Amino acid sequence: MIRRIHDLHAVFTSEELDRLHQRMAESGVRNRSSFIRKMALDGYIVKLDLDEISEMIRLLRISSNNLNQIAKKANATGSIYGADIAALQARQDEIWEITKEILAKLSTIQ
């Protein structure tokens, strides 16, 4: 853990403090000291909407489970159905589409 030993004091107007709290709420940061330190050192805080990434992770889990089931079936019986492979390919295509959307959105961040 980082031990911070230097104290820095800043004075704000009521309007500035309100704006500071508003920006903290927008960024999702609750700790005022952390927010001010981050803004002072880096000048910005990036808050990403991770809904699409959560969906991609969900699809990856489903796809991994399907792949494991197909592998177990292939090992047990020595054969697999074309429909199982097609379903897995469709799921992978879905994941790739979401990944492309996420990358496109990330590329617009400045």
PDB file of N, CA and C in Angstrom:
ATOM      1  N   MET A   1       0.835  -1.182   0.000  1.00  0.00           N
ATOM      2  CA  MET A   1       0.000   0.000   0.000  1.00  0.00           C
ATOM      3  C   MET A   1       0.877   1.241   0.000  1.00  0.00           C
ATOM      4  N   ILE A   2       0.477   2.213  -0.772  1.00  0.00           N
ATOM      5  CA  ILE A   2       1.228   3.469  -0.869  1.00  0.00           C
ATOM      6  C   ILE A   2       0.946   4.317   0.370  1.00  0.00           C
ATOM      7  N   ARG A   3       2.002   4.802   0.969  1.00  0.00           N
ATOM      8  CA  ARG A   3       1.854   5.676   2.137  1.00  0.00           C
ATOM      9  C   ARG A   3       2.047   7.108   1.666  1.00  0.00           C
ATOM     10  N   ARG A   4       0.991   7.882   1.764  1.00  0.00           N
ATOM     11  CA  ARG A   4       1.054   9.281   1.346  1.00  0.00           C
ATOM     12  C   ARG A   4       1.346  10.143   2.574  1.00  0.00           C
ATOM     13  N   ILE A   5       2.398  10.948   2.488  1.00  0.00           N
ATOM     14  CA  ILE A   5       2.813  11.726   3.654  1.00  0.00           C
ATOM     15  C   ILE A   5       2.696  13.229   3.444  1.00  0.00           C
ATOM     16  N   HIS A   6       2.454  13.662   2.212  1.00  0.00           N
ATOM     17  CA  HIS A   6       2.368  15.093   1.934  1.00  0.00           C
ATOM     18  C   HIS A   6       0.912  15.515   1.819  1.00  0.00           C
ATOM     19  N   ASP A   7       0.576  16.576   2.516  1.00  0.00           N
ATOM     20  CA  ASP A   7      -0.782  17.097   2.513  1.00  0.00           C
ATOM     21  C   ASP A   7      -0.818  18.335   1.630  1.00  0.00           C
ATOM     22  N   LEU A   8      -1.844  18.452   0.812  1.00  0.00           N
ATOM     23  CA  LEU A   8      -2.013  19.608  -0.067  1.00  0.00           C
ATOM     24  C   LEU A   8      -3.376  20.199   0.221  1.00  0.00           C
ATOM     25  N   HIS A   9      -3.438  21.489   0.367  1.00  0.00           N
ATOM     26  CA  HIS A   9      -4.687  22.155   0.728  1.00  0.00           C
ATOM     27  C   HIS A   9      -5.163  23.009  -0.441  1.00  0.00           C
ATOM     28  N   ALA A  10      -6.452  22.938  -0.745  1.00  0.00           N
ATOM     29  CA  ALA A  10      -7.051  23.758  -1.803  1.00  0.00           C
ATOM     30  C   ALA A  10      -8.358  24.328  -1.285  1.00  0.00           C
ATOM     31  N   VAL A  11      -8.681  25.538  -1.705  1.00  0.00           N
ATOM     32  CA  VAL A  11      -9.900  26.207  -1.280  1.00  0.00           C
ATOM     33  C   VAL A  11     -10.821  26.330  -2.482  1.00  0.00           C
ATOM     34  N   PHE A  12     -12.101  25.984  -2.302  1.00  0.00           N
ATOM     35  CA  PHE A  12     -13.088  25.997  -3.376  1.00  0.00           C
ATOM     36  C   PHE A  12     -14.245  26.922  -3.024  1.00  0.00           C
ATOM     37  N   THR A  13     -14.841  27.512  -4.038  1.00  0.00           N
ATOM     38  CA  THR A  13     -16.102  28.223  -3.842  1.00  0.00           C
ATOM     39  C   THR A  13     -17.211  27.174  -3.765  1.00  0.00           C
ATOM     40  N   SER A  14     -18.391  27.574  -3.357  1.00  0.00           N
ATOM     41  CA  SER A  14     -19.521  26.645  -3.294  1.00  0.00           C
ATOM     42  C   SER A  14     -19.844  26.078  -4.665  1.00  0.00           C
ATOM     43  N   GLU A  15     -19.786  26.941  -5.679  1.00  0.00           N
ATOM     44  CA  GLU A  15     -20.073  26.496  -7.043  1.00  0.00           C
ATOM     45  C   GLU A  15     -19.024  25.499  -7.530  1.00  0.00           C
ATOM     46  N   GLU A  16     -17.751  25.766  -7.230  1.00  0.00           N
ATOM     47  CA  GLU A  16     -16.679  24.854  -7.626  1.00  0.00           C
ATOM     48  C   GLU A  16     -16.820  23.502  -6.921  1.00  0.00           C
ATOM     49  N   LEU A  17     -17.189  23.546  -5.646  1.00  0.00           N
ATOM     50  CA  LEU A  17     -17.358  22.308  -4.893  1.00  0.00           C
ATOM     51  C   LEU A  17     -18.539  21.502  -5.450  1.00  0.00           C
ATOM     52  N   ASP A  18     -19.624  22.211  -5.803  1.00  0.00           N
ATOM     53  CA  ASP A  18     -20.769  21.528  -6.420  1.00  0.00           C
ATOM     54  C   ASP A  18     -20.357  20.881  -7.737  1.00  0.00           C
ATOM     55  N   ARG A  19     -19.579  21.611  -8.523  1.00  0.00           N
ATOM     56  CA  ARG A  19     -19.102  21.083  -9.816  1.00  0.00           C
ATOM     57  C   ARG A  19     -18.183  19.882  -9.607  1.00  0.00           C
ATOM     58  N   LEU A  20     -17.346  19.960  -8.585  1.00  0.00           N
ATOM     59  CA  LEU A  20     -16.466  18.849  -8.254  1.00  0.00           C
ATOM     60  C   LEU A  20     -17.284  17.601  -7.905  1.00  0.00           C
ATOM     61  N   HIS A  21     -18.300  17.766  -7.071  1.00  0.00           N
ATOM     62  CA  HIS A  21     -19.148  16.638  -6.695  1.00  0.00           C
ATOM     63  C   HIS A  21     -19.910  16.090  -7.896  1.00  0.00           C
ATOM     64  N   GLN A  22     -20.332  16.980  -8.777  1.00  0.00           N
ATOM     65  CA  GLN A  22     -21.039  16.547  -9.994  1.00  0.00           C
ATOM     66  C   GLN A  22     -20.110  15.704 -10.870  1.00  0.00           C
ATOM     67  N   ARG A  23     -18.895  16.168 -11.060  1.00  0.00           N
ATOM     68  CA  ARG A  23     -17.929  15.424 -11.886  1.00  0.00           C
ATOM     69  C   ARG A  23     -17.542  14.100 -11.232  1.00  0.00           C
ATOM     70  N   MET A  24     -17.471  14.079  -9.910  1.00  0.00           N
ATOM     71  CA  MET A  24     -17.189  12.829  -9.213  1.00  0.00           C
ATOM     72  C   MET A  24     -18.318  11.832  -9.452  1.00  0.00           C
ATOM     73  N   ALA A  25     -19.564  12.313  -9.371  1.00  0.00           N
ATOM     74  CA  ALA A  25     -20.715  11.438  -9.597  1.00  0.00           C
ATOM     75  C   ALA A  25     -20.723  10.921 -11.032  1.00  0.00           C
ATOM     76  N   GLU A  26     -20.409  11.782 -11.988  1.00  0.00           N
ATOM     77  CA  GLU A  26     -20.377  11.379 -13.399  1.00  0.00           C
ATOM     78  C   GLU A  26     -19.326  10.306 -13.649  1.00  0.00           C
ATOM     79  N   SER A  27     -18.201  10.419 -12.968  1.00  0.00           N
ATOM     80  CA  SER A  27     -17.110   9.468 -13.192  1.00  0.00           C
ATOM     81  C   SER A  27     -17.252   8.204 -12.347  1.00  0.00           C
ATOM     82  N   GLY A  28     -18.139   8.236 -11.365  1.00  0.00           N
ATOM     83  CA  GLY A  28     -18.330   7.062 -10.528  1.00  0.00           C
ATOM     84  C   GLY A  28     -17.319   6.941  -9.400  1.00  0.00           C
ATOM     85  N   VAL A  29     -16.535   7.980  -9.177  1.00  0.00           N
ATOM     86  CA  VAL A  29     -15.530   7.971  -8.110  1.00  0.00           C
ATOM     87  C   VAL A  29     -16.172   8.537  -6.846  1.00  0.00           C
ATOM     88  N   ARG A  30     -16.030   7.837  -5.732  1.00  0.00           N
ATOM     89  CA  ARG A  30     -16.648   8.275  -4.482  1.00  0.00           C
ATOM     90  C   ARG A  30     -15.667   8.966  -3.546  1.00  0.00           C
ATOM     91  N   ASN A  31     -14.397   8.653  -3.688  1.00  0.00           N
ATOM     92  CA  ASN A  31     -13.376   9.195  -2.802  1.00  0.00           C
ATOM     93  C   ASN A  31     -12.871  10.517  -3.381  1.00  0.00           C
ATOM     94  N   ARG A  32     -13.148  11.611  -2.678  1.00  0.00           N
ATOM     95  CA  ARG A  32     -12.785  12.938  -3.174  1.00  0.00           C
ATOM     96  C   ARG A  32     -11.280  13.093  -3.339  1.00  0.00           C
ATOM     97  N   SER A  33     -10.521  12.608  -2.373  1.00  0.00           N
ATOM     98  CA  SER A  33      -9.066  12.709  -2.444  1.00  0.00           C
ATOM     99  C   SER A  33      -8.525  11.981  -3.674  1.00  0.00           C
ATOM    100  N   SER A  34      -9.035  10.781  -3.926  1.00  0.00           N
ATOM    101  CA  SER A  34      -8.595  10.011  -5.093  1.00  0.00           C
ATOM    102  C   SER A  34      -8.955  10.741  -6.390  1.00  0.00           C
ATOM    103  N   PHE A  35     -10.156  11.301  -6.423  1.00  0.00           N
ATOM    104  CA  PHE A  35     -10.599  12.019  -7.622  1.00  0.00           C
ATOM    105  C   PHE A  35      -9.708  13.229  -7.895  1.00  0.00           C
ATOM    106  N   ILE A  36      -9.472  14.034  -6.870  1.00  0.00           N
ATOM    107  CA  ILE A  36      -8.654  15.240  -7.052  1.00  0.00           C
ATOM    108  C   ILE A  36      -7.224  14.861  -7.436  1.00  0.00           C
ATOM    109  N   ARG A  37      -6.679  13.825  -6.798  1.00  0.00           N
ATOM    110  CA  ARG A  37      -5.320  13.377  -7.123  1.00  0.00           C
ATOM    111  C   ARG A  37      -5.244  12.917  -8.583  1.00  0.00           C
ATOM    112  N   LYS A  38      -6.232  12.110  -9.019  1.00  0.00           N
ATOM    113  CA  LYS A  38      -6.251  11.613 -10.390  1.00  0.00           C
ATOM    114  C   LYS A  38      -6.354  12.763 -11.387  1.00  0.00           C
ATOM    115  N   MET A  39      -7.232  13.709 -11.120  1.00  0.00           N
ATOM    116  CA  MET A  39      -7.402  14.849 -12.025  1.00  0.00           C
ATOM    117  C   MET A  39      -6.147  15.729 -12.049  1.00  0.00           C
ATOM    118  N   ALA A  40      -5.524  15.922 -10.893  1.00  0.00           N
ATOM    119  CA  ALA A  40      -4.329  16.762 -10.836  1.00  0.00           C
ATOM    120  C   ALA A  40      -3.157  16.115 -11.572  1.00  0.00           C
ATOM    121  N   LEU A  41      -3.023  14.807 -11.451  1.00  0.00           N
ATOM    122  CA  LEU A  41      -1.877  14.130 -12.055  1.00  0.00           C
ATOM    123  C   LEU A  41      -2.100  13.763 -13.521  1.00  0.00           C
ATOM    124  N   ASP A  42      -3.299  13.337 -13.862  1.00  0.00           N
ATOM    125  CA  ASP A  42      -3.556  12.865 -15.224  1.00  0.00           C
ATOM    126  C   ASP A  42      -4.431  13.812 -16.045  1.00  0.00           C
ATOM    127  N   GLY A  43      -5.225  14.630 -15.383  1.00  0.00           N
ATOM    128  CA  GLY A  43      -6.056  15.595 -16.091  1.00  0.00           C
ATOM    129  C   GLY A  43      -7.387  15.062 -16.570  1.00  0.00           C
ATOM    130  N   TYR A  44      -7.632  13.769 -16.405  1.00  0.00           N
ATOM    131  CA  TYR A  44      -8.899  13.202 -16.855  1.00  0.00           C
ATOM    132  C   TYR A  44      -9.141  11.859 -16.190  1.00  0.00           C
ATOM    133  N   ILE A  45     -10.414  11.477 -16.172  1.00  0.00           N
ATOM    134  CA  ILE A  45     -10.811  10.154 -15.716  1.00  0.00           C
ATOM    135  C   ILE A  45     -11.692   9.577 -16.802  1.00  0.00           C
ATOM    136  N   VAL A  46     -11.385   8.369 -17.221  1.00  0.00           N
ATOM    137  CA  VAL A  46     -12.165   7.705 -18.263  1.00  0.00           C
ATOM    138  C   VAL A  46     -13.107   6.726 -17.582  1.00  0.00           C
ATOM    139  N   LYS A  47     -14.402   6.912 -17.815  1.00  0.00           N
ATOM    140  CA  LYS A  47     -15.399   5.967 -17.306  1.00  0.00           C
ATOM    141  C   LYS A  47     -15.997   5.267 -18.517  1.00  0.00           C
ATOM    142  N   LEU A  48     -15.836   3.970 -18.572  1.00  0.00           N
ATOM    143  CA  LEU A  48     -16.316   3.194 -19.710  1.00  0.00           C
ATOM    144  C   LEU A  48     -17.644   2.531 -19.382  1.00  0.00           C
ATOM    145  N   ASP A  49     -18.523   2.485 -20.375  1.00  0.00           N
ATOM    146  CA  ASP A  49     -19.765   1.738 -20.261  1.00  0.00           C
ATOM    147  C   ASP A  49     -19.433   0.300 -20.645  1.00  0.00           C
ATOM    148  N   LEU A  50     -19.483  -0.593 -19.677  1.00  0.00           N
ATOM    149  CA  LEU A  50     -19.023  -1.957 -19.886  1.00  0.00           C
ATOM    150  C   LEU A  50     -20.148  -2.953 -20.123  1.00  0.00           C
ATOM    151  N   ASP A  51     -21.352  -2.465 -20.458  1.00  0.00           N
ATOM    152  CA  ASP A  51     -22.478  -3.377 -20.693  1.00  0.00           C
ATOM    153  C   ASP A  51     -22.180  -4.363 -21.812  1.00  0.00           C
ATOM    154  N   GLU A  52     -21.587  -3.879 -22.909  1.00  0.00           N
ATOM    155  CA  GLU A  52     -21.293  -4.765 -24.028  1.00  0.00           C
ATOM    156  C   GLU A  52     -20.217  -5.785 -23.680  1.00  0.00           C
ATOM    157  N   ILE A  53     -19.272  -5.375 -22.858  1.00  0.00           N
ATOM    158  CA  ILE A  53     -18.232  -6.313 -22.441  1.00  0.00           C
ATOM    159  C   ILE A  53     -18.842  -7.398 -21.558  1.00  0.00           C
ATOM    160  N   SER A  54     -19.781  -7.018 -20.691  1.00  0.00           N
ATOM    161  CA  SER A  54     -20.463  -8.013 -19.865  1.00  0.00           C
ATOM    162  C   SER A  54     -21.226  -9.003 -20.737  1.00  0.00           C
ATOM    163  N   GLU A  55     -21.875  -8.507 -21.780  1.00  0.00           N
ATOM    164  CA  GLU A  55     -22.592  -9.388 -22.701  1.00  0.00           C
ATOM    165  C   GLU A  55     -21.619 -10.310 -23.432  1.00  0.00           C
ATOM    166  N   MET A  56     -20.478  -9.776 -23.831  1.00  0.00           N
ATOM    167  CA  MET A  56     -19.488 -10.590 -24.509  1.00  0.00           C
ATOM    168  C   MET A  56     -18.960 -11.692 -23.581  1.00  0.00           C
ATOM    169  N   ILE A  57     -18.728 -11.366 -22.331  1.00  0.00           N
ATOM    170  CA  ILE A  57     -18.264 -12.361 -21.363  1.00  0.00           C
ATOM    171  C   ILE A  57     -19.317 -13.442 -21.169  1.00  0.00           C
ATOM    172  N   ARG A  58     -20.588 -13.042 -21.116  1.00  0.00           N
ATOM    173  CA  ARG A  58     -21.671 -14.020 -20.981  1.00  0.00           C
ATOM    174  C   ARG A  58     -21.676 -14.976 -22.171  1.00  0.00           C
ATOM    175  N   LEU A  59     -21.539 -14.412 -23.375  1.00  0.00           N
ATOM    176  CA  LEU A  59     -21.520 -15.250 -24.578  1.00  0.00           C
ATOM    177  C   LEU A  59     -20.294 -16.159 -24.614  1.00  0.00           C
ATOM    178  N   LEU A  60     -19.163 -15.664 -24.148  1.00  0.00           N
ATOM    179  CA  LEU A  60     -17.957 -16.493 -24.090  1.00  0.00           C
ATOM    180  C   LEU A  60     -18.143 -17.669 -23.129  1.00  0.00           C
ATOM    181  N   ARG A  61     -18.809 -17.416 -22.005  1.00  0.00           N
ATOM    182  CA  ARG A  61     -19.067 -18.505 -21.050  1.00  0.00           C
ATOM    183  C   ARG A  61     -19.962 -19.568 -21.680  1.00  0.00           C
ATOM    184  N   ILE A  62     -21.018 -19.115 -22.348  1.00  0.00           N
ATOM    185  CA  ILE A  62     -21.928 -20.062 -23.001  1.00  0.00           C
ATOM    186  C   ILE A  62     -21.182 -20.858 -24.062  1.00  0.00           C
ATOM    187  N   SER A  63     -20.391 -20.155 -24.851  1.00  0.00           N
ATOM    188  CA  SER A  63     -19.633 -20.801 -25.916  1.00  0.00           C
ATOM    189  C   SER A  63     -18.636 -21.813 -25.343  1.00  0.00           C
ATOM    190  N   SER A  64     -17.977 -21.452 -24.262  1.00  0.00           N
ATOM    191  CA  SER A  64     -17.019 -22.364 -23.628  1.00  0.00           C
ATOM    192  C   SER A  64     -17.722 -23.602 -23.091  1.00  0.00           C
ATOM    193  N   ASN A  65     -18.886 -23.401 -22.473  1.00  0.00           N
ATOM    194  CA  ASN A  65     -19.649 -24.547 -21.975  1.00  0.00           C
ATOM    195  C   ASN A  65     -20.063 -25.461 -23.121  1.00  0.00           C
ATOM    196  N   ASN A  66     -20.540 -24.865 -24.214  1.00  0.00           N
ATOM    197  CA  ASN A  66     -20.935 -25.669 -25.376  1.00  0.00           C
ATOM    198  C   ASN A  66     -19.747 -26.444 -25.934  1.00  0.00           C
ATOM    199  N   LEU A  67     -18.610 -25.782 -26.020  1.00  0.00           N
ATOM    200  CA  LEU A  67     -17.409 -26.437 -26.534  1.00  0.00           C
ATOM    201  C   LEU A  67     -17.003 -27.607 -25.649  1.00  0.00           C
ATOM    202  N   ASN A  68     -17.080 -27.409 -24.327  1.00  0.00           N
ATOM    203  CA  ASN A  68     -16.756 -28.497 -23.400  1.00  0.00           C
ATOM    204  C   ASN A  68     -17.720 -29.669 -23.560  1.00  0.00           C
ATOM    205  N   GLN A  69     -19.004 -29.373 -23.739  1.00  0.00           N
ATOM    206  CA  GLN A  69     -19.985 -30.444 -23.921  1.00  0.00           C
ATOM    207  C   GLN A  69     -19.716 -31.213 -25.214  1.00  0.00           C
ATOM    208  N   ILE A  70     -19.378 -30.485 -26.277  1.00  0.00           N
ATOM    209  CA  ILE A  70     -19.077 -31.138 -27.557  1.00  0.00           C
ATOM    210  C   ILE A  70     -17.817 -32.001 -27.424  1.00  0.00           C
ATOM    211  N   ALA A  71     -16.807 -31.490 -26.731  1.00  0.00           N
ATOM    212  CA  ALA A  71     -15.571 -32.253 -26.546  1.00  0.00           C
ATOM    213  C   ALA A  71     -15.826 -33.530 -25.744  1.00  0.00           C
ATOM    214  N   LYS A  72     -16.628 -33.432 -24.683  1.00  0.00           N
ATOM    215  CA  LYS A  72     -16.962 -34.622 -23.890  1.00  0.00           C
ATOM    216  C   LYS A  72     -17.716 -35.636 -24.742  1.00  0.00           C
ATOM    217  N   LYS A  73     -18.667 -35.143 -25.538  1.00  0.00           N
ATOM    218  CA  LYS A  73     -19.455 -36.026 -26.400  1.00  0.00           C
ATOM    219  C   LYS A  73     -18.565 -36.697 -27.439  1.00  0.00           C
ATOM    220  N   ALA A  74     -17.660 -35.938 -28.024  1.00  0.00           N
ATOM    221  CA  ALA A  74     -16.758 -36.489 -29.037  1.00  0.00           C
ATOM    222  C   ALA A  74     -15.838 -37.543 -28.420  1.00  0.00           C
ATOM    223  N   ASN A  75     -15.358 -37.293 -27.215  1.00  0.00           N
ATOM    224  CA  ASN A  75     -14.487 -38.258 -26.540  1.00  0.00           C
ATOM    225  C   ASN A  75     -15.247 -39.522 -26.143  1.00  0.00           C
ATOM    226  N   ALA A  76     -16.498 -39.348 -25.755  1.00  0.00           N
ATOM    227  CA  ALA A  76     -17.280 -40.499 -25.302  1.00  0.00           C
ATOM    228  C   ALA A  76     -17.793 -41.355 -26.463  1.00  0.00           C
ATOM    229  N   THR A  77     -18.259 -40.703 -27.533  1.00  0.00           N
ATOM    230  CA  THR A  77     -18.901 -41.446 -28.622  1.00  0.00           C
ATOM    231  C   THR A  77     -18.047 -41.538 -29.880  1.00  0.00           C
ATOM    232  N   GLY A  78     -17.077 -40.661 -29.985  1.00  0.00           N
ATOM    233  CA  GLY A  78     -16.253 -40.657 -31.194  1.00  0.00           C
ATOM    234  C   GLY A  78     -16.895 -39.904 -32.346  1.00  0.00           C
ATOM    235  N   SER A  79     -18.041 -39.253 -32.110  1.00  0.00           N
ATOM    236  CA  SER A  79     -18.687 -38.475 -33.175  1.00  0.00           C
ATOM    237  C   SER A  79     -19.370 -37.242 -32.596  1.00  0.00           C
ATOM    238  N   ILE A  80     -19.554 -36.244 -33.457  1.00  0.00           N
ATOM    239  CA  ILE A  80     -20.269 -35.024 -33.084  1.00  0.00           C
ATOM    240  C   ILE A  80     -21.215 -34.643 -34.216  1.00  0.00           C
ATOM    241  N   TYR A  81     -22.257 -33.920 -33.863  1.00  0.00           N
ATOM    242  CA  TYR A  81     -23.251 -33.515 -34.844  1.00  0.00           C
ATOM    243  C   TYR A  81     -22.868 -32.181 -35.481  1.00  0.00           C
ATOM    244  N   GLY A  82     -23.192 -32.063 -36.762  1.00  0.00           N
ATOM    245  CA  GLY A  82     -22.945 -30.822 -37.492  1.00  0.00           C
ATOM    246  C   GLY A  82     -23.710 -29.660 -36.904  1.00  0.00           C
ATOM    247  N   ALA A  83     -24.914 -29.934 -36.368  1.00  0.00           N
ATOM    248  CA  ALA A  83     -25.721 -28.871 -35.761  1.00  0.00           C
ATOM    249  C   ALA A  83     -25.038 -28.290 -34.528  1.00  0.00           C
ATOM    250  N   ASP A  84     -24.340 -29.119 -33.760  1.00  0.00           N
ATOM    251  CA  ASP A  84     -23.608 -28.633 -32.590  1.00  0.00           C
ATOM    252  C   ASP A  84     -22.492 -27.682 -33.006  1.00  0.00           C
ATOM    253  N   ILE A  85     -21.790 -28.062 -34.050  1.00  0.00           N
ATOM    254  CA  ILE A  85     -20.704 -27.208 -34.556  1.00  0.00           C
ATOM    255  C   ILE A  85     -21.265 -25.910 -35.119  1.00  0.00           C
ATOM    256  N   ALA A  86     -22.376 -25.992 -35.853  1.00  0.00           N
ATOM    257  CA  ALA A  86     -22.998 -24.790 -36.433  1.00  0.00           C
ATOM    258  C   ALA A  86     -23.461 -23.833 -35.337  1.00  0.00           C
ATOM    259  N   ALA A  87     -24.037 -24.368 -34.252  1.00  0.00           N
ATOM    260  CA  ALA A  87     -24.476 -23.525 -33.143  1.00  0.00           C
ATOM    261  C   ALA A  87     -23.288 -22.831 -32.484  1.00  0.00           C
ATOM    262  N   LEU A  88     -22.212 -23.559 -32.333  1.00  0.00           N
ATOM    263  CA  LEU A  88     -21.001 -22.990 -31.747  1.00  0.00           C
ATOM    264  C   LEU A  88     -20.418 -21.898 -32.646  1.00  0.00           C
ATOM    265  N   GLN A  89     -20.421 -22.128 -33.941  1.00  0.00           N
ATOM    266  CA  GLN A  89     -19.925 -21.117 -34.878  1.00  0.00           C
ATOM    267  C   GLN A  89     -20.795 -19.867 -34.854  1.00  0.00           C
ATOM    268  N   ALA A  90     -22.110 -20.049 -34.758  1.00  0.00           N
ATOM    269  CA  ALA A  90     -23.019 -18.899 -34.694  1.00  0.00           C
ATOM    270  C   ALA A  90     -22.746 -18.071 -33.441  1.00  0.00           C
ATOM    271  N   ARG A  91     -22.521 -18.745 -32.316  1.00  0.00           N
ATOM    272  CA  ARG A  91     -22.224 -18.051 -31.066  1.00  0.00           C
ATOM    273  C   ARG A  91     -20.901 -17.284 -31.180  1.00  0.00           C
ATOM    274  N   GLN A  92     -19.903 -17.897 -31.801  1.00  0.00           N
ATOM    275  CA  GLN A  92     -18.616 -17.231 -31.997  1.00  0.00           C
ATOM    276  C   GLN A  92     -18.770 -15.993 -32.887  1.00  0.00           C
ATOM    277  N   ASP A  93     -19.590 -16.089 -33.934  1.00  0.00           N
ATOM    278  CA  ASP A  93     -19.836 -14.937 -34.805  1.00  0.00           C
ATOM    279  C   ASP A  93     -20.488 -13.803 -34.028  1.00  0.00           C
ATOM    280  N   GLU A  94     -21.407 -14.143 -33.131  1.00  0.00           N
ATOM    281  CA  GLU A  94     -22.072 -13.151 -32.288  1.00  0.00           C
ATOM    282  C   GLU A  94     -21.053 -12.449 -31.391  1.00  0.00           C
ATOM    283  N   ILE A  95     -20.166 -13.227 -30.811  1.00  0.00           N
ATOM    284  CA  ILE A  95     -19.127 -12.662 -29.947  1.00  0.00           C
ATOM    285  C   ILE A  95     -18.218 -11.726 -30.742  1.00  0.00           C
ATOM    286  N   TRP A  96     -17.856 -12.125 -31.955  1.00  0.00           N
ATOM    287  CA  TRP A  96     -16.997 -11.271 -32.785  1.00  0.00           C
ATOM    288  C   TRP A  96     -17.684  -9.956 -33.131  1.00  0.00           C
ATOM    289  N   GLU A  97     -18.981  -9.988 -33.401  1.00  0.00           N
ATOM    290  CA  GLU A  97     -19.713  -8.757 -33.710  1.00  0.00           C
ATOM    291  C   GLU A  97     -19.707  -7.804 -32.525  1.00  0.00           C
ATOM    292  N   ILE A  98     -19.952  -8.329 -31.331  1.00  0.00           N
ATOM    293  CA  ILE A  98     -19.924  -7.488 -30.136  1.00  0.00           C
ATOM    294  C   ILE A  98     -18.521  -6.942 -29.904  1.00  0.00           C
ATOM    295  N   THR A  99     -17.510  -7.760 -30.134  1.00  0.00           N
ATOM    296  CA  THR A  99     -16.126  -7.323 -29.971  1.00  0.00           C
ATOM    297  C   THR A  99     -15.805  -6.176 -30.933  1.00  0.00           C
ATOM    298  N   LYS A 100     -16.254  -6.289 -32.176  1.00  0.00           N
ATOM    299  CA  LYS A 100     -16.023  -5.219 -33.160  1.00  0.00           C
ATOM    300  C   LYS A 100     -16.696  -3.919 -32.723  1.00  0.00           C
ATOM    301  N   GLU A 101     -17.923  -4.017 -32.183  1.00  0.00           N
ATOM    302  CA  GLU A 101     -18.620  -2.825 -31.697  1.00  0.00           C
ATOM    303  C   GLU A 101     -17.863  -2.168 -30.549  1.00  0.00           C
ATOM    304  N   ILE A 102     -17.379  -2.991 -29.633  1.00  0.00           N
ATOM    305  CA  ILE A 102     -16.623  -2.467 -28.489  1.00  0.00           C
ATOM    306  C   ILE A 102     -15.351  -1.775 -28.965  1.00  0.00           C
ATOM    307  N   LEU A 103     -14.626  -2.406 -29.864  1.00  0.00           N
ATOM    308  CA  LEU A 103     -13.389  -1.809 -30.374  1.00  0.00           C
ATOM    309  C   LEU A 103     -13.656  -0.511 -31.120  1.00  0.00           C
ATOM    310  N   ALA A 104     -14.750  -0.456 -31.861  1.00  0.00           N
ATOM    311  CA  ALA A 104     -15.101   0.768 -32.582  1.00  0.00           C
ATOM    312  C   ALA A 104     -15.384   1.904 -31.600  1.00  0.00           C
ATOM    313  N   LYS A 105     -16.092   1.604 -30.518  1.00  0.00           N
ATOM    314  CA  LYS A 105     -16.385   2.628 -29.514  1.00  0.00           C
ATOM    315  C   LYS A 105     -15.121   3.063 -28.781  1.00  0.00           C
ATOM    316  N   LEU A 106     -14.253   2.094 -28.471  1.00  0.00           N
ATOM    317  CA  LEU A 106     -13.007   2.440 -27.773  1.00  0.00           C
ATOM    318  C   LEU A 106     -12.101   3.290 -28.651  1.00  0.00           C
ATOM    319  N   SER A 107     -12.146   3.094 -29.943  1.00  0.00           N
ATOM    320  CA  SER A 107     -11.280   3.856 -30.849  1.00  0.00           C
ATOM    321  C   SER A 107     -11.705   5.332 -30.930  1.00  0.00           C
ATOM    322  N   THR A 108     -12.925   5.656 -30.501  1.00  0.00           N
ATOM    323  CA  THR A 108     -13.385   7.053 -30.553  1.00  0.00           C
ATOM    324  C   THR A 108     -13.024   7.826 -29.308  1.00  0.00           C
ATOM    325  N   ILE A 109     -12.506   7.140 -28.273  1.00  0.00           N
ATOM    326  CA  ILE A 109     -12.123   7.835 -27.037  1.00  0.00           C
ATOM    327  C   ILE A 109     -10.883   8.675 -27.307  1.00  0.00           C
ATOM    328  N   GLN A 110     -10.954   9.910 -26.861  1.00  0.00           N
ATOM    329  CA  GLN A 110      -9.816  10.830 -27.070  1.00  0.00           C
ATOM    330  C   GLN A 110      -9.229  11.253 -25.762  1.00  0.00           C
TER     331      GLN A 110
END
